[in-house]
N, C-alpha and C. Protein backbone atom coordinates (compact mmCIF):
# COMPACT_ATOMS: atom_id res chain seq x y z
N MET A 1 13.13 -1.96 25.23
CA MET A 1 13.24 -1.50 23.87
C MET A 1 11.90 -0.89 23.45
N PRO A 2 11.90 0.34 22.89
CA PRO A 2 10.65 0.96 22.48
C PRO A 2 10.03 0.24 21.27
N GLN A 3 8.72 0.22 21.23
CA GLN A 3 7.99 -0.41 20.14
C GLN A 3 7.60 0.66 19.11
N ILE A 4 7.64 0.30 17.83
CA ILE A 4 7.21 1.20 16.76
C ILE A 4 6.46 0.38 15.72
N LYS A 5 5.39 0.95 15.20
CA LYS A 5 4.63 0.28 14.14
C LYS A 5 5.49 0.24 12.89
N ILE A 6 5.39 -0.84 12.14
CA ILE A 6 6.17 -0.98 10.93
C ILE A 6 5.87 0.14 9.94
N GLY A 7 4.60 0.56 9.88
CA GLY A 7 4.23 1.65 8.99
C GLY A 7 4.88 2.97 9.39
N ASP A 8 4.90 3.24 10.71
CA ASP A 8 5.57 4.46 11.19
C ASP A 8 7.05 4.41 10.84
N TYR A 9 7.67 3.26 11.05
CA TYR A 9 9.09 3.13 10.75
C TYR A 9 9.35 3.37 9.25
N LEU A 10 8.54 2.74 8.43
CA LEU A 10 8.69 2.88 6.98
C LEU A 10 8.57 4.34 6.56
N PHE A 11 7.52 5.03 7.01
CA PHE A 11 7.31 6.40 6.57
C PHE A 11 8.32 7.37 7.19
N GLN A 12 8.77 7.09 8.40
CA GLN A 12 9.83 7.92 8.99
C GLN A 12 11.12 7.79 8.19
N ARG A 13 11.46 6.56 7.80
CA ARG A 13 12.68 6.35 7.00
C ARG A 13 12.56 7.01 5.63
N LEU A 14 11.40 6.91 5.00
CA LEU A 14 11.20 7.57 3.71
C LEU A 14 11.35 9.09 3.86
N HIS A 15 10.79 9.64 4.95
CA HIS A 15 10.93 11.07 5.21
C HIS A 15 12.40 11.44 5.38
N GLN A 16 13.16 10.61 6.07
CA GLN A 16 14.59 10.86 6.25
C GLN A 16 15.34 10.83 4.93
N LEU A 17 14.83 10.08 3.96
CA LEU A 17 15.46 10.01 2.64
C LEU A 17 15.06 11.17 1.72
N GLY A 18 14.19 12.05 2.23
CA GLY A 18 13.78 13.20 1.44
C GLY A 18 12.44 13.08 0.78
N VAL A 19 11.77 11.96 0.94
CA VAL A 19 10.43 11.79 0.37
C VAL A 19 9.45 12.63 1.19
N ARG A 20 8.64 13.42 0.51
CA ARG A 20 7.64 14.25 1.19
C ARG A 20 6.22 13.94 0.73
N THR A 21 6.09 13.18 -0.36
CA THR A 21 4.79 12.84 -0.91
C THR A 21 4.75 11.35 -1.20
N VAL A 22 3.65 10.70 -0.83
CA VAL A 22 3.44 9.28 -1.12
C VAL A 22 2.25 9.20 -2.07
N PHE A 23 2.43 8.50 -3.17
CA PHE A 23 1.39 8.33 -4.17
C PHE A 23 0.72 6.97 -3.99
N GLY A 24 -0.45 6.81 -4.60
CA GLY A 24 -1.05 5.49 -4.56
C GLY A 24 -2.54 5.46 -4.74
N VAL A 25 -3.06 4.25 -4.62
CA VAL A 25 -4.48 3.98 -4.73
C VAL A 25 -4.90 3.27 -3.46
N PRO A 26 -5.79 3.87 -2.68
CA PRO A 26 -6.22 3.19 -1.46
C PRO A 26 -7.07 1.98 -1.79
N GLY A 27 -6.75 0.84 -1.20
CA GLY A 27 -7.55 -0.38 -1.38
C GLY A 27 -8.29 -0.64 -0.09
N GLY A 28 -9.42 -1.27 -0.18
CA GLY A 28 -10.18 -1.46 1.04
C GLY A 28 -11.14 -2.60 0.98
N LYS A 29 -12.11 -2.53 1.86
CA LYS A 29 -13.09 -3.59 1.99
C LYS A 29 -14.03 -3.57 0.79
N LYS A 30 -14.39 -4.75 0.37
CA LYS A 30 -15.37 -4.86 -0.69
C LYS A 30 -16.73 -5.08 -0.02
N HIS A 31 -17.65 -5.66 -0.69
CA HIS A 31 -18.99 -5.86 -0.15
C HIS A 31 -19.03 -7.15 0.67
N TYR A 32 -19.11 -7.01 1.97
CA TYR A 32 -19.18 -8.16 2.87
C TYR A 32 -20.60 -8.30 3.40
N THR A 33 -20.87 -9.46 3.96
CA THR A 33 -22.09 -9.59 4.74
C THR A 33 -21.88 -8.83 6.05
N TYR A 34 -22.91 -8.61 6.81
CA TYR A 34 -22.79 -7.88 8.07
C TYR A 34 -21.79 -8.55 9.01
N VAL A 35 -21.84 -9.89 9.11
CA VAL A 35 -20.93 -10.61 10.00
C VAL A 35 -19.50 -10.48 9.51
N GLN A 36 -19.27 -10.62 8.21
CA GLN A 36 -17.92 -10.47 7.67
C GLN A 36 -17.39 -9.06 7.90
N LEU A 37 -18.27 -8.05 7.76
CA LEU A 37 -17.84 -6.68 7.97
C LEU A 37 -17.44 -6.46 9.42
N ALA A 38 -18.20 -7.03 10.35
CA ALA A 38 -17.86 -6.90 11.76
C ALA A 38 -16.50 -7.54 12.05
N ILE A 39 -16.26 -8.71 11.48
CA ILE A 39 -14.97 -9.39 11.66
C ILE A 39 -13.87 -8.56 11.01
N ALA A 40 -14.12 -8.05 9.82
CA ALA A 40 -13.10 -7.27 9.11
C ALA A 40 -12.73 -6.02 9.90
N ASN A 41 -13.73 -5.33 10.46
CA ASN A 41 -13.43 -4.14 11.24
C ASN A 41 -12.63 -4.48 12.49
N ARG A 42 -12.97 -5.58 13.14
CA ARG A 42 -12.27 -5.98 14.36
C ARG A 42 -10.83 -6.39 14.06
N ASN A 43 -10.63 -7.03 12.91
CA ASN A 43 -9.29 -7.53 12.57
C ASN A 43 -8.53 -6.61 11.63
N ARG A 44 -9.08 -5.44 11.35
CA ARG A 44 -8.41 -4.46 10.49
C ARG A 44 -8.01 -5.08 9.16
N ALA A 45 -8.95 -5.76 8.52
CA ALA A 45 -8.66 -6.44 7.25
C ALA A 45 -8.85 -5.50 6.07
N ASP A 46 -8.36 -4.30 6.19
CA ASP A 46 -8.57 -3.32 5.14
C ASP A 46 -7.34 -3.12 4.28
N TYR A 47 -6.44 -4.09 4.26
CA TYR A 47 -5.26 -4.09 3.41
C TYR A 47 -4.33 -2.93 3.76
N GLU A 48 -4.50 -1.78 3.11
CA GLU A 48 -3.57 -0.71 3.47
C GLU A 48 -4.22 0.55 4.01
N LEU A 49 -5.51 0.57 4.23
CA LEU A 49 -6.14 1.80 4.71
C LEU A 49 -5.61 2.22 6.08
N ALA A 50 -5.38 1.28 6.98
CA ALA A 50 -4.80 1.62 8.28
C ALA A 50 -3.38 2.16 8.11
N LEU A 51 -2.66 1.63 7.16
CA LEU A 51 -1.31 2.11 6.87
C LEU A 51 -1.35 3.54 6.35
N LEU A 52 -2.31 3.85 5.50
CA LEU A 52 -2.38 5.19 4.92
C LEU A 52 -2.65 6.25 5.97
N ASP A 53 -3.30 5.87 7.07
CA ASP A 53 -3.50 6.82 8.17
C ASP A 53 -2.17 7.31 8.73
N LEU A 54 -1.11 6.51 8.57
CA LEU A 54 0.19 6.86 9.13
C LEU A 54 1.01 7.77 8.22
N VAL A 55 0.58 7.96 6.98
CA VAL A 55 1.33 8.79 6.04
C VAL A 55 1.46 10.21 6.60
N THR A 56 0.32 10.85 6.86
CA THR A 56 0.36 12.24 7.33
C THR A 56 0.87 12.33 8.77
N ASP A 57 0.69 11.28 9.55
CA ASP A 57 1.22 11.28 10.93
C ASP A 57 2.74 11.40 10.94
N ASN A 58 3.39 11.04 9.85
CA ASN A 58 4.85 11.05 9.78
C ASN A 58 5.39 12.15 8.86
N GLY A 59 4.60 13.20 8.69
CA GLY A 59 5.07 14.38 7.97
C GLY A 59 5.08 14.26 6.46
N LEU A 60 4.35 13.29 5.93
CA LEU A 60 4.27 13.10 4.48
C LEU A 60 2.89 13.51 3.99
N GLU A 61 2.81 13.79 2.70
CA GLU A 61 1.55 14.16 2.07
C GLU A 61 1.08 12.99 1.21
N TRP A 62 -0.22 12.71 1.24
CA TRP A 62 -0.81 11.65 0.43
C TRP A 62 -1.36 12.25 -0.85
N LYS A 63 -1.03 11.65 -1.98
CA LYS A 63 -1.59 12.02 -3.28
C LYS A 63 -2.24 10.80 -3.89
N GLY A 64 -3.56 10.76 -3.86
CA GLY A 64 -4.29 9.64 -4.44
C GLY A 64 -4.26 9.69 -5.95
N ASN A 65 -4.26 8.54 -6.56
CA ASN A 65 -4.20 8.43 -8.02
C ASN A 65 -5.36 7.59 -8.52
N PRO A 66 -5.77 7.79 -9.78
CA PRO A 66 -6.91 7.04 -10.31
C PRO A 66 -6.66 5.55 -10.51
N ASN A 67 -5.39 5.17 -10.72
CA ASN A 67 -5.09 3.74 -10.82
C ASN A 67 -3.63 3.52 -10.47
N GLU A 68 -3.27 2.26 -10.33
CA GLU A 68 -1.94 1.90 -9.84
C GLU A 68 -0.82 2.23 -10.81
N LEU A 69 -1.08 2.09 -12.11
CA LEU A 69 -0.05 2.41 -13.08
C LEU A 69 0.29 3.90 -13.03
N ILE A 70 -0.72 4.72 -12.92
CA ILE A 70 -0.49 6.16 -12.81
C ILE A 70 0.28 6.47 -11.53
N ALA A 71 -0.05 5.81 -10.43
CA ALA A 71 0.69 6.02 -9.18
C ALA A 71 2.15 5.65 -9.36
N SER A 72 2.40 4.57 -10.06
CA SER A 72 3.77 4.13 -10.31
C SER A 72 4.53 5.18 -11.13
N TYR A 73 3.91 5.70 -12.18
CA TYR A 73 4.55 6.71 -13.01
C TYR A 73 4.70 8.04 -12.27
N ALA A 74 3.72 8.39 -11.43
CA ALA A 74 3.84 9.62 -10.63
C ALA A 74 5.02 9.53 -9.69
N ALA A 75 5.18 8.37 -9.05
CA ALA A 75 6.33 8.16 -8.16
C ALA A 75 7.63 8.22 -8.95
N ASP A 76 7.63 7.68 -10.16
CA ASP A 76 8.81 7.73 -11.01
C ASP A 76 9.23 9.18 -11.28
N GLY A 77 8.29 9.99 -11.71
CA GLY A 77 8.60 11.39 -11.98
C GLY A 77 9.07 12.13 -10.74
N TYR A 78 8.41 11.86 -9.63
CA TYR A 78 8.78 12.50 -8.36
C TYR A 78 10.20 12.12 -7.96
N ALA A 79 10.54 10.85 -8.10
CA ALA A 79 11.88 10.38 -7.73
C ALA A 79 12.94 11.00 -8.63
N ARG A 80 12.65 11.17 -9.90
CA ARG A 80 13.62 11.77 -10.82
C ARG A 80 13.91 13.22 -10.44
N ILE A 81 12.94 13.90 -9.88
CA ILE A 81 13.12 15.30 -9.49
C ILE A 81 13.72 15.43 -8.09
N THR A 82 13.25 14.60 -7.14
CA THR A 82 13.65 14.78 -5.74
C THR A 82 14.71 13.79 -5.25
N GLY A 83 14.91 12.69 -5.95
CA GLY A 83 15.91 11.71 -5.55
C GLY A 83 15.38 10.40 -5.03
N ALA A 84 14.12 10.36 -4.60
CA ALA A 84 13.50 9.11 -4.12
C ALA A 84 11.99 9.31 -4.05
N ALA A 85 11.24 8.20 -4.11
CA ALA A 85 9.78 8.28 -4.06
C ALA A 85 9.20 6.99 -3.49
N ALA A 86 7.91 7.05 -3.20
CA ALA A 86 7.19 5.87 -2.70
C ALA A 86 5.75 5.92 -3.19
N PHE A 87 5.18 4.72 -3.40
CA PHE A 87 3.76 4.64 -3.70
C PHE A 87 3.19 3.38 -3.08
N VAL A 88 1.86 3.40 -2.85
CA VAL A 88 1.18 2.34 -2.12
C VAL A 88 0.04 1.80 -2.97
N THR A 89 -0.06 0.46 -3.04
CA THR A 89 -1.18 -0.19 -3.71
C THR A 89 -1.65 -1.36 -2.85
N THR A 90 -2.75 -1.95 -3.26
CA THR A 90 -3.21 -3.16 -2.60
C THR A 90 -2.65 -4.37 -3.34
N PHE A 91 -2.77 -5.54 -2.73
CA PHE A 91 -2.18 -6.75 -3.30
C PHE A 91 -2.96 -7.24 -4.51
N GLY A 92 -2.38 -8.18 -5.21
CA GLY A 92 -3.04 -8.81 -6.36
C GLY A 92 -3.07 -7.87 -7.55
N PRO A 93 -4.24 -7.63 -8.12
CA PRO A 93 -4.32 -6.78 -9.31
C PRO A 93 -3.76 -5.38 -9.09
N GLY A 94 -3.85 -4.86 -7.87
CA GLY A 94 -3.29 -3.54 -7.60
C GLY A 94 -1.80 -3.49 -7.82
N GLU A 95 -1.10 -4.44 -7.23
CA GLU A 95 0.36 -4.44 -7.40
C GLU A 95 0.75 -4.82 -8.82
N LEU A 96 0.02 -5.74 -9.43
CA LEU A 96 0.33 -6.15 -10.80
C LEU A 96 0.12 -5.02 -11.79
N SER A 97 -0.88 -4.18 -11.55
CA SER A 97 -1.15 -3.05 -12.44
C SER A 97 0.00 -2.05 -12.46
N ALA A 98 0.78 -2.02 -11.41
CA ALA A 98 1.88 -1.06 -11.30
C ALA A 98 3.18 -1.57 -11.90
N TYR A 99 3.23 -2.84 -12.32
CA TYR A 99 4.51 -3.44 -12.69
C TYR A 99 5.17 -2.86 -13.94
N CYS A 100 4.43 -2.36 -14.89
CA CYS A 100 5.08 -1.75 -16.06
C CYS A 100 5.86 -0.52 -15.64
N GLY A 101 5.28 0.30 -14.78
CA GLY A 101 6.00 1.46 -14.27
C GLY A 101 7.19 1.04 -13.43
N MET A 102 7.03 -0.01 -12.66
CA MET A 102 8.13 -0.50 -11.82
C MET A 102 9.27 -1.05 -12.67
N ALA A 103 8.94 -1.64 -13.80
CA ALA A 103 10.00 -2.12 -14.70
C ALA A 103 10.83 -0.94 -15.18
N GLY A 104 10.18 0.18 -15.43
CA GLY A 104 10.90 1.39 -15.82
C GLY A 104 11.80 1.89 -14.70
N HIS A 105 11.29 1.86 -13.46
CA HIS A 105 12.12 2.28 -12.30
C HIS A 105 13.38 1.42 -12.26
N TYR A 106 13.17 0.13 -12.38
CA TYR A 106 14.27 -0.82 -12.26
C TYR A 106 15.30 -0.64 -13.38
N CYS A 107 14.82 -0.57 -14.61
CA CYS A 107 15.72 -0.47 -15.76
C CYS A 107 16.55 0.81 -15.75
N GLU A 108 15.96 1.87 -15.22
CA GLU A 108 16.65 3.16 -15.25
C GLU A 108 17.20 3.57 -13.89
N PHE A 109 17.22 2.64 -12.95
CA PHE A 109 17.79 2.87 -11.61
C PHE A 109 17.15 4.06 -10.89
N VAL A 110 15.83 4.17 -10.98
CA VAL A 110 15.10 5.24 -10.31
C VAL A 110 14.67 4.70 -8.94
N PRO A 111 15.08 5.34 -7.84
CA PRO A 111 14.79 4.82 -6.50
C PRO A 111 13.33 5.06 -6.07
N VAL A 112 12.51 4.04 -6.25
CA VAL A 112 11.10 4.10 -5.88
C VAL A 112 10.77 2.91 -4.99
N CYS A 113 10.12 3.19 -3.87
CA CYS A 113 9.68 2.15 -2.93
C CYS A 113 8.21 1.86 -3.19
N HIS A 114 7.89 0.60 -3.50
CA HIS A 114 6.50 0.18 -3.71
C HIS A 114 6.03 -0.55 -2.46
N VAL A 115 5.04 0.01 -1.79
CA VAL A 115 4.47 -0.58 -0.58
C VAL A 115 3.16 -1.25 -0.96
N VAL A 116 3.02 -2.53 -0.60
CA VAL A 116 1.82 -3.28 -0.97
C VAL A 116 1.06 -3.68 0.29
N GLY A 117 -0.21 -3.24 0.37
CA GLY A 117 -1.07 -3.65 1.47
C GLY A 117 -1.54 -5.07 1.27
N TYR A 118 -1.69 -5.80 2.35
CA TYR A 118 -2.02 -7.23 2.30
C TYR A 118 -3.01 -7.55 3.40
N PRO A 119 -3.91 -8.50 3.21
CA PRO A 119 -4.84 -8.85 4.29
C PRO A 119 -4.08 -9.30 5.54
N GLY A 120 -4.59 -8.92 6.70
CA GLY A 120 -3.97 -9.30 7.95
C GLY A 120 -4.07 -10.79 8.23
N VAL A 121 -3.24 -11.26 9.13
CA VAL A 121 -3.23 -12.68 9.49
C VAL A 121 -4.59 -13.15 9.99
N PRO A 122 -5.29 -12.38 10.85
CA PRO A 122 -6.62 -12.86 11.29
C PRO A 122 -7.59 -13.06 10.14
N ALA A 123 -7.56 -12.16 9.15
CA ALA A 123 -8.45 -12.30 7.99
C ALA A 123 -8.07 -13.52 7.17
N GLN A 124 -6.77 -13.76 7.02
CA GLN A 124 -6.32 -14.92 6.26
C GLN A 124 -6.69 -16.21 6.98
N ASN A 125 -6.48 -16.24 8.30
CA ASN A 125 -6.80 -17.44 9.08
C ASN A 125 -8.29 -17.74 9.10
N ALA A 126 -9.11 -16.69 9.01
CA ALA A 126 -10.57 -16.87 9.01
C ALA A 126 -11.09 -17.23 7.62
N HIS A 127 -10.20 -17.29 6.62
CA HIS A 127 -10.58 -17.59 5.23
C HIS A 127 -11.70 -16.69 4.75
N MET A 128 -11.58 -15.40 5.10
CA MET A 128 -12.60 -14.44 4.69
C MET A 128 -12.61 -14.30 3.18
N ILE A 129 -13.78 -14.08 2.64
CA ILE A 129 -13.89 -13.82 1.22
C ILE A 129 -13.62 -12.34 1.02
N MET A 130 -12.51 -12.04 0.39
CA MET A 130 -12.12 -10.66 0.13
C MET A 130 -11.84 -10.52 -1.35
N HIS A 131 -11.86 -9.27 -1.82
CA HIS A 131 -11.54 -9.11 -3.23
C HIS A 131 -10.15 -9.63 -3.51
N HIS A 132 -9.93 -10.10 -4.68
CA HIS A 132 -8.67 -10.68 -5.15
C HIS A 132 -8.37 -12.01 -4.46
N SER A 133 -9.38 -12.71 -4.01
CA SER A 133 -9.14 -14.03 -3.42
C SER A 133 -10.31 -14.93 -3.80
N LEU A 134 -10.10 -16.22 -3.61
CA LEU A 134 -11.16 -17.18 -3.90
C LEU A 134 -11.82 -17.70 -2.64
N GLY A 135 -11.51 -17.09 -1.47
CA GLY A 135 -12.07 -17.55 -0.22
C GLY A 135 -11.42 -18.82 0.29
N THR A 136 -10.26 -19.17 -0.24
CA THR A 136 -9.55 -20.38 0.18
C THR A 136 -8.53 -20.08 1.26
N GLY A 137 -8.30 -18.81 1.56
CA GLY A 137 -7.28 -18.44 2.52
C GLY A 137 -5.92 -18.27 1.90
N GLU A 138 -5.83 -18.43 0.59
CA GLU A 138 -4.56 -18.23 -0.12
C GLU A 138 -4.59 -16.87 -0.79
N PHE A 139 -3.62 -16.04 -0.48
CA PHE A 139 -3.60 -14.67 -0.99
C PHE A 139 -2.36 -14.37 -1.80
N GLY A 140 -1.62 -15.38 -2.26
CA GLY A 140 -0.37 -15.13 -2.96
C GLY A 140 -0.50 -15.21 -4.44
């Protein structure tokens, strides 16, 4: 059975649904010590930055937004015109910031896919101190 990255699968399916542009706010590494940065780079603890590399690889265009709520509303408008949309944020405050726009999607049956980047398992298991966490290893 052939292997496919989950991000490739997601963006290929969105492309098949007619989505050509993905909106969002890239989330990434905050200020780490040198050792933490080395671990983060090795374990790809950059939430969704590795995922965003796959957007253009799958025939989609990336449109960065100044904040998550704007990304949510941009996806809403795009979906109303084209039939479907997607946007990407990071976990915690990033996803929460988009929820007012998402409530509008839901109430008005606008088909928008919200993709949330999350710290990888190695970063969680190492209890790395990352933004939006208390360094306890709990990221929910």
